[in-house]
Amino acid sequence: MYRSEQYSTWIDASYLIISAQMRGKEPIEGRFDLVIRAKRPDKRKRDLDNILKALSDILVKCGVVEDDHLCESIHICWTTSGDPCEVEIYPI
């Protein structure tokens, strides 16, 4: 799989942000539910499912979750306010 320079830059920046947020917190082991709210960046057509795989991969890479195959349910939606992307993870 080819990863663009833009995607690689996003992975690196996301890793730093998520790792900082995880300091002192335990990773989620086992099954979990995932809630994602993404802010539409502009008027161009975007697919929510394109966001999902990248987020799942970075959550595993940062050690937030044990493995993304343990995700039991996913709720993902567009929002018009807030941060560019908000993720909530609920252990089961």
Protein backbone atom coordinates (compact mmCIF):
# COMPACT_ATOMS: atom_id res chain seq x y z
CA MET A 1 0.00 0.00 0.00
CA TYR A 2 1.29 3.46 -0.90
CA ARG A 3 0.98 6.13 1.77
CA SER A 4 1.10 9.71 0.60
CA GLU A 5 3.40 12.23 2.21
CA GLN A 6 0.31 14.01 3.58
CA TYR A 7 -0.95 10.80 5.20
CA SER A 8 2.47 10.03 6.70
CA THR A 9 2.63 13.55 8.13
CA TRP A 10 -0.86 13.09 9.63
CA ILE A 11 0.18 9.76 11.20
CA ASP A 12 3.26 11.34 12.79
CA ALA A 13 1.35 14.36 14.13
CA SER A 14 -1.53 12.22 15.38
CA TYR A 15 0.87 9.86 17.12
CA LEU A 16 2.38 12.74 19.09
CA ILE A 17 -1.01 14.17 20.08
CA ILE A 18 -2.55 10.84 21.09
CA SER A 19 0.57 9.67 22.92
CA ALA A 20 0.54 12.88 24.98
CA GLN A 21 -3.14 12.35 25.83
CA MET A 22 -2.42 8.76 26.91
CA ARG A 23 0.31 9.60 29.43
CA GLY A 24 -0.62 8.07 32.76
CA LYS A 25 -3.64 6.26 31.30
CA GLU A 26 -4.05 2.55 30.82
CA PRO A 27 -4.77 1.18 27.34
CA ILE A 28 -8.14 -0.41 26.73
CA GLU A 29 -7.79 -4.16 26.74
CA GLY A 30 -10.38 -6.37 25.14
CA ARG A 31 -13.59 -5.42 23.41
CA PHE A 32 -14.71 -1.82 23.01
CA ASP A 33 -17.25 0.46 21.31
CA LEU A 34 -16.05 3.39 19.22
CA VAL A 35 -17.74 6.76 18.68
CA ILE A 36 -16.28 9.18 16.11
CA ARG A 37 -17.46 12.70 15.35
CA ALA A 38 -15.70 14.36 12.42
CA LYS A 39 -16.04 17.97 11.38
CA ARG A 40 -16.53 18.50 7.67
CA PRO A 41 -13.45 20.42 6.54
CA ASP A 42 -15.03 22.07 3.50
CA LYS A 43 -17.76 21.71 0.89
CA ARG A 44 -16.04 18.92 -1.07
CA LYS A 45 -17.51 15.44 -1.02
CA ARG A 46 -16.01 13.32 1.76
CA ASP A 47 -16.65 9.73 2.82
CA LEU A 48 -16.93 8.90 6.51
CA ASP A 49 -15.59 5.40 5.94
CA ASN A 50 -12.27 6.85 4.73
CA ILE A 51 -11.76 8.30 8.21
CA LEU A 52 -12.41 5.05 10.01
CA LYS A 53 -9.46 2.90 8.93
CA ALA A 54 -6.87 5.61 9.58
CA LEU A 55 -8.27 6.24 13.07
CA SER A 56 -8.40 2.54 13.90
CA ASP A 57 -4.80 2.11 12.81
CA ILE A 58 -3.49 5.06 14.83
CA LEU A 59 -5.37 3.95 17.97
CA VAL A 60 -3.59 0.60 17.78
CA LYS A 61 -0.22 2.16 16.93
CA CYS A 62 -0.46 4.48 19.95
CA GLY A 63 -1.49 1.64 22.25
CA VAL A 64 -4.89 3.14 23.04
CA VAL A 65 -6.58 -0.14 22.15
CA GLU A 66 -5.13 -3.63 22.02
CA ASP A 67 -6.31 -4.43 18.49
CA ASP A 68 -8.94 -2.89 16.22
CA HIS A 69 -10.51 -6.30 15.54
CA LEU A 70 -11.83 -6.11 19.13
CA CYS A 71 -14.14 -3.23 18.22
CA GLU A 72 -17.75 -4.39 18.75
CA SER A 73 -19.58 -1.34 17.40
CA ILE A 74 -18.82 1.89 15.60
CA HIS A 75 -20.85 5.06 15.45
CA ILE A 76 -19.44 7.70 13.11
CA CYS A 77 -21.05 10.97 12.10
CA TRP A 78 -20.36 14.40 10.65
CA THR A 79 -20.56 17.43 12.89
CA THR A 80 -20.48 21.14 12.14
CA SER A 81 -18.70 22.29 15.29
CA GLY A 82 -15.99 21.25 17.70
CA ASP A 83 -12.59 19.75 17.04
CA PRO A 84 -11.75 18.33 13.60
CA CYS A 85 -12.14 14.84 15.01
CA GLU A 86 -13.40 13.61 18.37
CA VAL A 87 -13.07 9.96 19.39
CA GLU A 88 -14.64 8.23 22.38
CA ILE A 89 -13.80 4.65 23.30
CA TYR A 90 -15.93 2.65 25.69
CA PRO A 91 -14.58 -0.61 27.14
CA ILE A 92 -17.05 -3.48 27.19
